[in-house]
N, C-alpha and C. Protein backbone atom coordinates (compact mmCIF):
# COMPACT_ATOMS: atom_id res chain seq x y z
N MET A 1 0.84 -1.18 0.00
CA MET A 1 0.00 0.00 0.00
C MET A 1 0.88 1.24 0.00
N SER A 2 0.56 2.21 -0.86
CA SER A 2 1.36 3.43 -0.94
C SER A 2 1.12 4.29 0.30
N GLU A 3 1.98 5.30 0.48
CA GLU A 3 1.83 6.19 1.63
C GLU A 3 0.49 6.90 1.60
N THR A 4 0.05 7.32 0.40
CA THR A 4 -1.25 7.99 0.28
C THR A 4 -2.38 7.06 0.69
N GLN A 5 -2.35 5.82 0.18
CA GLN A 5 -3.39 4.86 0.52
C GLN A 5 -3.37 4.54 2.01
N ASP A 6 -2.18 4.51 2.61
CA ASP A 6 -2.07 4.21 4.03
C ASP A 6 -2.61 5.33 4.90
N ARG A 7 -2.72 6.54 4.33
CA ARG A 7 -3.26 7.68 5.08
C ARG A 7 -4.76 7.86 4.85
N ARG A 8 -5.34 7.06 3.97
CA ARG A 8 -6.76 7.19 3.67
C ARG A 8 -7.62 6.57 4.76
N MET A 9 -8.64 7.32 5.17
CA MET A 9 -9.61 6.82 6.14
C MET A 9 -11.00 7.19 5.68
N ILE A 10 -11.90 6.24 5.75
CA ILE A 10 -13.31 6.54 5.50
C ILE A 10 -13.94 6.93 6.83
N VAL A 11 -14.63 8.04 6.84
CA VAL A 11 -15.37 8.47 8.03
C VAL A 11 -16.83 8.62 7.63
N ALA A 12 -17.69 7.91 8.33
CA ALA A 12 -19.13 8.04 8.11
C ALA A 12 -19.76 8.63 9.35
N ILE A 13 -20.70 9.52 9.14
CA ILE A 13 -21.45 10.12 10.24
C ILE A 13 -22.92 9.82 10.00
N THR A 14 -23.56 9.18 10.98
CA THR A 14 -24.97 8.85 10.84
C THR A 14 -25.79 9.69 11.81
N GLY A 15 -27.09 9.43 11.86
CA GLY A 15 -28.00 10.32 12.56
C GLY A 15 -28.14 10.13 14.05
N ALA A 16 -27.38 9.25 14.65
CA ALA A 16 -27.47 9.09 16.10
C ALA A 16 -26.99 10.35 16.79
N SER A 17 -27.42 10.54 18.02
CA SER A 17 -26.92 11.66 18.81
C SER A 17 -25.41 11.48 19.03
N GLY A 18 -24.71 12.60 19.11
CA GLY A 18 -23.27 12.53 19.32
C GLY A 18 -22.48 12.86 18.07
N ILE A 19 -23.02 13.72 17.22
CA ILE A 19 -22.34 14.05 15.96
C ILE A 19 -20.98 14.69 16.20
N VAL A 20 -20.78 15.23 17.39
CA VAL A 20 -19.50 15.84 17.73
C VAL A 20 -18.34 14.85 17.61
N TYR A 21 -18.63 13.55 17.82
CA TYR A 21 -17.57 12.54 17.69
C TYR A 21 -17.06 12.44 16.25
N GLY A 22 -17.97 12.48 15.31
CA GLY A 22 -17.57 12.43 13.91
C GLY A 22 -16.82 13.68 13.48
N ILE A 23 -17.31 14.83 13.94
CA ILE A 23 -16.63 16.08 13.61
C ILE A 23 -15.23 16.10 14.19
N ARG A 24 -15.10 15.70 15.46
CA ARG A 24 -13.77 15.68 16.09
C ARG A 24 -12.84 14.69 15.38
N ALA A 25 -13.37 13.57 14.94
CA ALA A 25 -12.54 12.61 14.20
C ALA A 25 -11.98 13.25 12.94
N LEU A 26 -12.81 13.99 12.22
CA LEU A 26 -12.35 14.67 11.01
C LEU A 26 -11.27 15.70 11.35
N GLU A 27 -11.47 16.45 12.43
CA GLU A 27 -10.49 17.45 12.84
C GLU A 27 -9.15 16.81 13.20
N MET A 28 -9.22 15.72 13.94
CA MET A 28 -7.99 15.06 14.39
C MET A 28 -7.26 14.36 13.24
N LEU A 29 -8.01 13.78 12.33
CA LEU A 29 -7.39 13.17 11.15
C LEU A 29 -6.70 14.22 10.30
N ARG A 30 -7.33 15.39 10.19
CA ARG A 30 -6.71 16.49 9.45
C ARG A 30 -5.40 16.90 10.13
N ASP A 31 -5.42 16.99 11.47
CA ASP A 31 -4.21 17.33 12.23
C ASP A 31 -3.08 16.35 11.95
N LEU A 32 -3.44 15.09 11.74
CA LEU A 32 -2.46 14.03 11.52
C LEU A 32 -2.04 13.88 10.06
N GLY A 33 -2.61 14.70 9.19
CA GLY A 33 -2.26 14.63 7.78
C GLY A 33 -2.89 13.47 7.05
N ALA A 34 -3.97 12.92 7.63
CA ALA A 34 -4.67 11.80 6.99
C ALA A 34 -5.60 12.32 5.90
N GLU A 35 -5.99 11.42 5.02
CA GLU A 35 -6.89 11.73 3.91
C GLU A 35 -8.26 11.18 4.26
N ALA A 36 -9.14 12.06 4.75
CA ALA A 36 -10.46 11.62 5.21
C ALA A 36 -11.47 11.65 4.07
N HIS A 37 -12.14 10.51 3.87
CA HIS A 37 -13.18 10.37 2.85
C HIS A 37 -14.51 10.28 3.60
N LEU A 38 -15.34 11.31 3.45
CA LEU A 38 -16.53 11.50 4.27
C LEU A 38 -17.82 11.17 3.55
N VAL A 39 -18.69 10.44 4.27
CA VAL A 39 -20.06 10.25 3.82
C VAL A 39 -20.97 10.46 5.03
N MET A 40 -22.00 11.27 4.85
CA MET A 40 -22.95 11.57 5.91
C MET A 40 -24.35 11.16 5.49
N SER A 41 -25.08 10.57 6.40
CA SER A 41 -26.48 10.24 6.10
C SER A 41 -27.32 11.51 6.18
N LYS A 42 -28.52 11.46 5.61
CA LYS A 42 -29.43 12.60 5.69
C LYS A 42 -29.82 12.87 7.14
N ALA A 43 -29.96 11.80 7.92
CA ALA A 43 -30.29 11.97 9.34
C ALA A 43 -29.15 12.66 10.07
N ALA A 44 -27.91 12.42 9.64
CA ALA A 44 -26.76 13.09 10.26
C ALA A 44 -26.82 14.59 10.02
N GLU A 45 -27.25 14.98 8.83
CA GLU A 45 -27.38 16.40 8.53
C GLU A 45 -28.41 17.05 9.45
N ARG A 46 -29.48 16.32 9.74
CA ARG A 46 -30.50 16.82 10.68
C ARG A 46 -29.92 16.91 12.10
N THR A 47 -29.18 15.89 12.51
CA THR A 47 -28.59 15.90 13.85
C THR A 47 -27.58 17.03 13.99
N LEU A 48 -26.84 17.30 12.93
CA LEU A 48 -25.88 18.40 12.94
C LEU A 48 -26.59 19.71 13.29
N MET A 49 -27.75 19.91 12.69
CA MET A 49 -28.53 21.13 12.92
C MET A 49 -29.09 21.17 14.35
N GLU A 50 -29.48 20.01 14.87
CA GLU A 50 -30.08 19.94 16.20
C GLU A 50 -29.05 20.07 17.32
N GLU A 51 -27.85 19.55 17.11
CA GLU A 51 -26.89 19.45 18.21
C GLU A 51 -25.75 20.46 18.17
N THR A 52 -25.56 21.16 17.04
CA THR A 52 -24.44 22.09 16.94
C THR A 52 -24.86 23.37 16.22
N ASP A 53 -23.94 24.31 16.23
CA ASP A 53 -24.11 25.54 15.45
C ASP A 53 -23.18 25.52 14.24
N ILE A 54 -22.65 24.35 13.91
CA ILE A 54 -21.70 24.20 12.81
C ILE A 54 -22.47 23.93 11.52
N SER A 55 -22.05 24.56 10.45
CA SER A 55 -22.73 24.37 9.17
C SER A 55 -22.27 23.07 8.50
N LEU A 56 -23.10 22.57 7.62
CA LEU A 56 -22.75 21.36 6.86
C LEU A 56 -21.49 21.62 6.03
N LYS A 57 -21.40 22.79 5.43
CA LYS A 57 -20.22 23.11 4.62
C LYS A 57 -18.95 23.10 5.45
N ALA A 58 -19.03 23.57 6.69
CA ALA A 58 -17.86 23.59 7.57
C ALA A 58 -17.40 22.18 7.90
N VAL A 59 -18.35 21.28 8.12
CA VAL A 59 -17.99 19.88 8.39
C VAL A 59 -17.37 19.26 7.15
N GLN A 60 -18.00 19.46 6.01
CA GLN A 60 -17.48 18.90 4.77
C GLN A 60 -16.10 19.42 4.43
N ALA A 61 -15.80 20.66 4.83
CA ALA A 61 -14.49 21.26 4.55
C ALA A 61 -13.36 20.56 5.30
N LEU A 62 -13.71 19.80 6.33
CA LEU A 62 -12.70 19.06 7.09
C LEU A 62 -12.23 17.80 6.37
N ALA A 63 -12.97 17.38 5.36
CA ALA A 63 -12.67 16.13 4.64
C ALA A 63 -11.88 16.39 3.36
N HIS A 64 -11.15 15.38 2.95
CA HIS A 64 -10.43 15.44 1.67
C HIS A 64 -11.40 15.25 0.51
N THR A 65 -12.32 14.28 0.68
CA THR A 65 -13.31 13.97 -0.36
C THR A 65 -14.66 13.72 0.30
N ILE A 66 -15.72 14.20 -0.34
CA ILE A 66 -17.08 14.03 0.19
C ILE A 66 -17.90 13.22 -0.81
N TYR A 67 -18.70 12.30 -0.30
CA TYR A 67 -19.53 11.46 -1.17
C TYR A 67 -21.00 11.59 -0.78
N PRO A 68 -21.90 11.72 -1.75
CA PRO A 68 -23.34 11.70 -1.44
C PRO A 68 -23.72 10.31 -0.91
N VAL A 69 -24.61 10.30 0.05
CA VAL A 69 -24.96 9.05 0.71
C VAL A 69 -25.65 8.05 -0.23
N LYS A 70 -26.24 8.53 -1.31
CA LYS A 70 -26.91 7.64 -2.26
C LYS A 70 -25.99 7.16 -3.39
N ASP A 71 -24.76 7.63 -3.42
CA ASP A 71 -23.84 7.30 -4.51
C ASP A 71 -23.17 5.94 -4.27
N ILE A 72 -23.89 4.88 -4.59
CA ILE A 72 -23.34 3.54 -4.35
C ILE A 72 -22.26 3.16 -5.37
N GLY A 73 -22.02 4.05 -6.33
CA GLY A 73 -20.93 3.84 -7.28
C GLY A 73 -19.67 4.62 -6.91
N ALA A 74 -19.64 5.19 -5.71
CA ALA A 74 -18.49 5.97 -5.27
C ALA A 74 -17.26 5.09 -5.08
N ALA A 75 -16.11 5.73 -5.05
CA ALA A 75 -14.85 4.99 -4.89
C ALA A 75 -14.85 4.11 -3.64
N ILE A 76 -15.39 4.63 -2.53
CA ILE A 76 -15.35 3.88 -1.27
C ILE A 76 -16.32 2.69 -1.26
N ALA A 77 -17.10 2.53 -2.33
CA ALA A 77 -18.00 1.38 -2.44
C ALA A 77 -17.29 0.18 -3.06
N SER A 78 -16.01 0.34 -3.38
CA SER A 78 -15.26 -0.75 -4.02
C SER A 78 -14.06 -1.16 -3.17
N GLY A 79 -13.85 -2.45 -3.08
CA GLY A 79 -12.69 -2.97 -2.36
C GLY A 79 -11.38 -2.63 -3.02
N SER A 80 -11.40 -2.29 -4.29
CA SER A 80 -10.16 -1.94 -4.99
C SER A 80 -9.64 -0.56 -4.57
N PHE A 81 -10.50 0.22 -3.91
CA PHE A 81 -10.08 1.52 -3.38
C PHE A 81 -9.52 1.26 -1.99
N ARG A 82 -8.20 1.29 -1.87
CA ARG A 82 -7.57 0.86 -0.64
C ARG A 82 -7.54 1.97 0.41
N THR A 83 -7.88 1.59 1.63
CA THR A 83 -7.90 2.52 2.77
C THR A 83 -7.36 1.81 4.00
N ARG A 84 -7.12 2.60 5.03
CA ARG A 84 -6.72 2.02 6.31
C ARG A 84 -7.93 1.40 7.02
N GLY A 85 -9.12 1.88 6.66
CA GLY A 85 -10.33 1.34 7.28
C GLY A 85 -11.42 2.39 7.33
N MET A 86 -12.41 2.12 8.17
CA MET A 86 -13.59 2.99 8.24
C MET A 86 -14.04 3.16 9.67
N LEU A 87 -14.33 4.42 10.01
CA LEU A 87 -14.90 4.77 11.30
C LEU A 87 -16.30 5.31 11.08
N ILE A 88 -17.27 4.79 11.83
CA ILE A 88 -18.62 5.34 11.81
C ILE A 88 -18.87 5.98 13.17
N ALA A 89 -18.95 7.33 13.18
CA ALA A 89 -19.02 8.06 14.43
C ALA A 89 -19.94 9.27 14.29
N PRO A 90 -21.09 9.24 14.96
CA PRO A 90 -21.64 8.12 15.70
C PRO A 90 -22.29 7.12 14.75
N CYS A 91 -22.51 5.93 15.25
CA CYS A 91 -23.16 4.89 14.46
C CYS A 91 -24.56 4.64 15.01
N SER A 92 -25.56 4.83 14.18
CA SER A 92 -26.94 4.58 14.60
C SER A 92 -27.24 3.09 14.65
N ILE A 93 -28.26 2.74 15.36
CA ILE A 93 -28.69 1.34 15.43
C ILE A 93 -29.14 0.86 14.06
N LYS A 94 -29.80 1.72 13.30
CA LYS A 94 -30.24 1.35 11.95
C LYS A 94 -29.04 0.98 11.08
N THR A 95 -28.02 1.81 11.11
CA THR A 95 -26.82 1.54 10.31
C THR A 95 -26.14 0.26 10.77
N MET A 96 -26.03 0.08 12.07
CA MET A 96 -25.43 -1.13 12.62
C MET A 96 -26.17 -2.37 12.13
N GLY A 97 -27.51 -2.31 12.14
CA GLY A 97 -28.31 -3.45 11.70
C GLY A 97 -28.12 -3.75 10.23
N GLU A 98 -28.05 -2.72 9.40
CA GLU A 98 -27.82 -2.92 7.96
C GLU A 98 -26.48 -3.61 7.70
N ILE A 99 -25.45 -3.15 8.39
CA ILE A 99 -24.11 -3.73 8.19
C ILE A 99 -24.11 -5.20 8.61
N ALA A 100 -24.76 -5.48 9.72
CA ALA A 100 -24.76 -6.86 10.24
C ALA A 100 -25.46 -7.82 9.30
N THR A 101 -26.50 -7.35 8.61
CA THR A 101 -27.27 -8.24 7.72
C THR A 101 -26.72 -8.27 6.31
N GLY A 102 -25.89 -7.29 5.95
CA GLY A 102 -25.38 -7.22 4.58
C GLY A 102 -26.38 -6.62 3.62
N VAL A 103 -27.53 -6.16 4.13
CA VAL A 103 -28.52 -5.50 3.29
C VAL A 103 -28.20 -4.01 3.30
N THR A 104 -27.39 -3.59 2.33
CA THR A 104 -26.88 -2.22 2.34
C THR A 104 -27.76 -1.32 1.50
N THR A 105 -28.35 -0.30 2.14
CA THR A 105 -29.27 0.59 1.44
C THR A 105 -28.68 1.97 1.16
N SER A 106 -27.45 2.20 1.62
CA SER A 106 -26.82 3.50 1.41
C SER A 106 -25.32 3.31 1.24
N LEU A 107 -24.63 4.38 0.89
CA LEU A 107 -23.18 4.31 0.76
C LEU A 107 -22.50 4.05 2.10
N VAL A 108 -23.12 4.48 3.19
CA VAL A 108 -22.54 4.23 4.52
C VAL A 108 -22.43 2.73 4.76
N SER A 109 -23.56 2.02 4.64
CA SER A 109 -23.55 0.58 4.92
C SER A 109 -22.82 -0.20 3.84
N ARG A 110 -22.86 0.27 2.59
CA ARG A 110 -22.13 -0.41 1.51
C ARG A 110 -20.62 -0.31 1.74
N ALA A 111 -20.15 0.89 2.07
CA ALA A 111 -18.71 1.06 2.31
C ALA A 111 -18.26 0.22 3.51
N ALA A 112 -19.09 0.15 4.54
CA ALA A 112 -18.75 -0.67 5.71
C ALA A 112 -18.69 -2.15 5.34
N ASP A 113 -19.63 -2.59 4.51
CA ASP A 113 -19.64 -3.98 4.05
C ASP A 113 -18.36 -4.30 3.27
N VAL A 114 -17.93 -3.36 2.45
CA VAL A 114 -16.70 -3.53 1.67
C VAL A 114 -15.49 -3.64 2.60
N VAL A 115 -15.44 -2.77 3.61
CA VAL A 115 -14.32 -2.79 4.56
C VAL A 115 -14.25 -4.16 5.25
N LEU A 116 -15.41 -4.69 5.63
CA LEU A 116 -15.43 -6.00 6.28
C LEU A 116 -14.96 -7.11 5.33
N LYS A 117 -15.46 -7.10 4.11
CA LYS A 117 -15.11 -8.18 3.19
C LYS A 117 -13.64 -8.14 2.79
N GLU A 118 -13.04 -6.94 2.83
CA GLU A 118 -11.62 -6.80 2.51
C GLU A 118 -10.73 -7.01 3.74
N ARG A 119 -11.37 -7.32 4.87
CA ARG A 119 -10.66 -7.57 6.13
C ARG A 119 -9.87 -6.36 6.61
N ARG A 120 -10.47 -5.19 6.40
CA ARG A 120 -9.88 -3.97 6.92
C ARG A 120 -10.59 -3.60 8.23
N ARG A 121 -10.06 -2.62 8.92
CA ARG A 121 -10.60 -2.24 10.23
C ARG A 121 -11.90 -1.44 10.07
N LEU A 122 -12.94 -1.90 10.75
CA LEU A 122 -14.21 -1.19 10.81
C LEU A 122 -14.53 -0.94 12.28
N VAL A 123 -14.68 0.33 12.64
CA VAL A 123 -14.97 0.69 14.02
C VAL A 123 -16.30 1.44 14.07
N LEU A 124 -17.18 0.96 14.93
CA LEU A 124 -18.51 1.55 15.08
C LEU A 124 -18.64 2.18 16.46
N MET A 125 -18.76 3.51 16.50
CA MET A 125 -19.04 4.20 17.76
C MET A 125 -20.56 4.21 17.94
N VAL A 126 -21.08 3.08 18.37
CA VAL A 126 -22.53 2.91 18.50
C VAL A 126 -23.03 3.80 19.62
N ARG A 127 -24.00 4.65 19.27
CA ARG A 127 -24.47 5.67 20.22
C ARG A 127 -25.94 5.41 20.54
N GLU A 128 -26.15 4.59 21.56
CA GLU A 128 -27.51 4.29 22.04
C GLU A 128 -27.39 3.77 23.46
N THR A 129 -28.41 3.98 24.25
CA THR A 129 -28.45 3.40 25.59
C THR A 129 -29.87 3.52 26.14
N PRO A 130 -30.34 2.52 26.87
CA PRO A 130 -29.72 1.21 27.07
C PRO A 130 -29.84 0.35 25.81
N PHE A 131 -29.09 -0.73 25.78
CA PHE A 131 -29.17 -1.69 24.68
C PHE A 131 -30.14 -2.80 25.04
N HIS A 132 -31.01 -3.18 24.10
CA HIS A 132 -31.81 -4.38 24.35
C HIS A 132 -31.08 -5.59 23.76
N THR A 133 -31.64 -6.76 23.97
CA THR A 133 -30.95 -7.99 23.58
C THR A 133 -30.67 -8.04 22.08
N GLY A 134 -31.59 -7.52 21.28
CA GLY A 134 -31.38 -7.50 19.83
C GLY A 134 -30.16 -6.67 19.45
N HIS A 135 -30.00 -5.51 20.10
CA HIS A 135 -28.82 -4.68 19.85
C HIS A 135 -27.55 -5.45 20.19
N LEU A 136 -27.57 -6.09 21.35
CA LEU A 136 -26.38 -6.82 21.82
C LEU A 136 -26.05 -7.99 20.90
N ARG A 137 -27.07 -8.69 20.42
CA ARG A 137 -26.83 -9.80 19.49
C ARG A 137 -26.25 -9.28 18.17
N THR A 138 -26.76 -8.14 17.72
CA THR A 138 -26.23 -7.55 16.48
C THR A 138 -24.77 -7.17 16.66
N MET A 139 -24.43 -6.59 17.81
CA MET A 139 -23.04 -6.24 18.09
C MET A 139 -22.15 -7.47 18.14
N THR A 140 -22.65 -8.54 18.73
CA THR A 140 -21.89 -9.78 18.78
C THR A 140 -21.63 -10.30 17.37
N SER A 141 -22.67 -10.27 16.55
CA SER A 141 -22.53 -10.72 15.16
C SER A 141 -21.49 -9.91 14.43
N LEU A 142 -21.52 -8.59 14.58
CA LEU A 142 -20.55 -7.73 13.92
C LEU A 142 -19.14 -7.96 14.43
N SER A 143 -19.02 -8.17 15.73
CA SER A 143 -17.70 -8.47 16.30
C SER A 143 -17.14 -9.76 15.72
N GLU A 144 -18.00 -10.76 15.57
CA GLU A 144 -17.57 -12.03 14.97
C GLU A 144 -17.15 -11.85 13.52
N MET A 145 -17.72 -10.84 12.85
CA MET A 145 -17.38 -10.57 11.46
C MET A 145 -16.10 -9.73 11.33
N GLY A 146 -15.61 -9.22 12.45
CA GLY A 146 -14.37 -8.46 12.43
C GLY A 146 -14.47 -7.00 12.78
N ALA A 147 -15.70 -6.51 12.98
CA ALA A 147 -15.86 -5.10 13.37
C ALA A 147 -15.47 -4.91 14.83
N VAL A 148 -15.12 -3.68 15.16
CA VAL A 148 -14.81 -3.32 16.55
C VAL A 148 -15.91 -2.37 17.01
N ILE A 149 -16.57 -2.73 18.10
CA ILE A 149 -17.67 -1.93 18.64
C ILE A 149 -17.13 -1.06 19.77
N VAL A 150 -17.24 0.25 19.62
CA VAL A 150 -16.68 1.17 20.61
C VAL A 150 -17.73 2.23 20.98
N PRO A 151 -18.66 1.89 21.87
CA PRO A 151 -19.56 2.94 22.35
C PRO A 151 -18.71 4.04 22.99
N PRO A 152 -19.05 5.30 22.79
CA PRO A 152 -18.23 6.39 23.32
C PRO A 152 -18.39 6.54 24.84
N VAL A 153 -17.69 5.69 25.57
CA VAL A 153 -17.75 5.69 27.03
C VAL A 153 -16.57 6.53 27.55
N PRO A 154 -16.83 7.56 28.35
CA PRO A 154 -15.75 8.44 28.80
C PRO A 154 -14.73 7.73 29.67
N ALA A 155 -13.48 8.18 29.57
CA ALA A 155 -12.40 7.70 30.44
C ALA A 155 -12.15 8.79 31.49
N PHE A 156 -12.50 8.51 32.73
CA PHE A 156 -12.40 9.55 33.75
C PHE A 156 -11.04 9.56 34.46
N TYR A 157 -10.18 8.59 34.16
CA TYR A 157 -8.84 8.64 34.76
C TYR A 157 -8.03 9.83 34.24
N THR A 158 -8.48 10.41 33.13
CA THR A 158 -7.80 11.58 32.58
C THR A 158 -8.19 12.87 33.31
N LYS A 159 -9.16 12.76 34.22
CA LYS A 159 -9.67 13.91 34.98
C LYS A 159 -10.10 15.05 34.06
N PRO A 160 -11.03 14.76 33.15
CA PRO A 160 -11.46 15.80 32.20
C PRO A 160 -12.18 16.94 32.90
N LYS A 161 -11.95 18.13 32.39
CA LYS A 161 -12.60 19.31 32.96
C LYS A 161 -13.71 19.84 32.04
N THR A 162 -13.72 19.39 30.80
CA THR A 162 -14.73 19.87 29.85
C THR A 162 -15.25 18.70 29.02
N ILE A 163 -16.41 18.91 28.41
CA ILE A 163 -16.95 17.92 27.48
C ILE A 163 -16.01 17.75 26.30
N ASP A 164 -15.40 18.83 25.87
CA ASP A 164 -14.47 18.80 24.76
C ASP A 164 -13.31 17.82 25.03
N GLU A 165 -12.80 17.83 26.25
CA GLU A 165 -11.72 16.92 26.62
C GLU A 165 -12.18 15.46 26.58
N ILE A 166 -13.42 15.22 27.01
CA ILE A 166 -13.97 13.87 26.98
C ILE A 166 -14.09 13.38 25.55
N VAL A 167 -14.62 14.23 24.67
CA VAL A 167 -14.79 13.87 23.27
C VAL A 167 -13.43 13.60 22.62
N THR A 168 -12.47 14.48 22.86
CA THR A 168 -11.15 14.34 22.26
C THR A 168 -10.49 13.04 22.69
N GLN A 169 -10.56 12.71 23.97
CA GLN A 169 -9.95 11.47 24.46
C GLN A 169 -10.62 10.24 23.84
N SER A 170 -11.95 10.26 23.75
CA SER A 170 -12.67 9.12 23.16
C SER A 170 -12.27 8.91 21.71
N VAL A 171 -12.21 10.00 20.95
CA VAL A 171 -11.87 9.89 19.53
C VAL A 171 -10.41 9.52 19.35
N ALA A 172 -9.53 10.07 20.16
CA ALA A 172 -8.10 9.74 20.06
C ALA A 172 -7.87 8.25 20.30
N ARG A 173 -8.59 7.67 21.26
CA ARG A 173 -8.45 6.23 21.53
C ARG A 173 -8.99 5.40 20.37
N VAL A 174 -10.04 5.89 19.73
CA VAL A 174 -10.56 5.19 18.55
C VAL A 174 -9.54 5.24 17.42
N LEU A 175 -8.91 6.39 17.22
CA LEU A 175 -7.90 6.51 16.16
C LEU A 175 -6.70 5.61 16.43
N ASP A 176 -6.43 5.31 17.71
CA ASP A 176 -5.40 4.33 18.05
C ASP A 176 -5.65 3.00 17.34
N LEU A 177 -6.92 2.63 17.23
CA LEU A 177 -7.27 1.35 16.63
C LEU A 177 -6.89 1.27 15.15
N PHE A 178 -6.68 2.43 14.54
CA PHE A 178 -6.26 2.48 13.14
C PHE A 178 -4.76 2.75 13.00
N GLY A 179 -4.07 2.82 14.13
CA GLY A 179 -2.64 3.07 14.10
C GLY A 179 -2.25 4.53 14.06
N PHE A 180 -3.23 5.42 14.29
CA PHE A 180 -2.93 6.86 14.34
C PHE A 180 -2.65 7.25 15.79
N ASN A 181 -1.57 7.97 16.02
CA ASN A 181 -1.21 8.41 17.37
C ASN A 181 -1.36 9.92 17.45
N HIS A 182 -2.47 10.37 18.00
CA HIS A 182 -2.71 11.81 18.11
C HIS A 182 -2.07 12.35 19.38
N PRO A 183 -1.41 13.50 19.32
CA PRO A 183 -0.72 14.02 20.50
C PRO A 183 -1.64 14.38 21.66
N ASP A 184 -2.94 14.54 21.41
CA ASP A 184 -3.85 14.92 22.49
C ASP A 184 -4.33 13.73 23.33
N VAL A 185 -3.99 12.51 22.94
CA VAL A 185 -4.45 11.35 23.72
C VAL A 185 -3.68 11.29 25.04
N LYS A 186 -4.43 11.00 26.11
CA LYS A 186 -3.81 10.83 27.42
C LYS A 186 -3.80 9.35 27.74
N ARG A 187 -2.62 8.84 28.03
CA ARG A 187 -2.47 7.40 28.24
C ARG A 187 -2.23 7.09 29.72
N TRP A 188 -2.82 5.99 30.14
CA TRP A 188 -2.76 5.59 31.55
C TRP A 188 -1.32 5.41 32.01
N ARG A 189 -0.91 6.22 32.95
CA ARG A 189 0.39 6.16 33.61
C ARG A 189 1.60 6.26 32.67
N GLU A 190 1.36 6.64 31.42
CA GLU A 190 2.48 6.70 30.49
C GLU A 190 3.53 7.72 30.91
N ALA A 191 3.09 8.88 31.38
CA ALA A 191 4.03 9.90 31.83
C ALA A 191 4.83 9.41 33.02
N GLU A 192 4.15 8.68 33.95
CA GLU A 192 4.85 8.15 35.12
C GLU A 192 5.86 7.08 34.71
N ASP A 193 5.45 6.20 33.77
CA ASP A 193 6.33 5.12 33.34
C ASP A 193 7.58 5.66 32.65
N GLN A 194 7.47 6.82 31.98
CA GLN A 194 8.59 7.35 31.24
C GLN A 194 9.43 8.32 32.07
N ALA A 195 8.94 8.65 33.27
CA ALA A 195 9.67 9.61 34.10
C ALA A 195 10.97 8.99 34.60
N PRO A 196 12.06 9.78 34.65
CA PRO A 196 13.32 9.24 35.15
C PRO A 196 13.24 8.89 36.61
N SER A 197 13.92 7.83 37.02
CA SER A 197 13.87 7.41 38.42
C SER A 197 14.99 8.07 39.22
């Protein structure tokens, strides 16, 4: 894989609450010099309006390439388009269910299906609570297929003082799963372990 292909990441944003996770992922990938390929569901556009004061154009400007959610002929719909993997942040239950069944009705679920079949990393920041048994069974099925399920659960050992710090830490840990090391991630006892004795 070339250096450009190794820096490519698919980022999907769906309509679940927590759109800030997807936006922060785009910001952090940009900081790292990654090539973010973005697809947003129509419900995500609605959530963006409900949860933030950020415009759709401003979010899209964070990406290298933007794809319409109905464009099933897009580059990211093919396994021949090589990427490091795909992050869905946040991931709705509807999207999770589509991926698990292989019944792909949009570019989000189609691209995720491709990532799975090519044995690349697929990470779902599933944003729902509580989970019923059907949700849990779907997550188990996806895990068995190779996906990584990462509900955005805060890490309080970092002693966050703001919501922004919580979001940044959650997204930075997710980017770890793709081999990206963002300087804003706080690691358990790492500073202590590296301190001179």
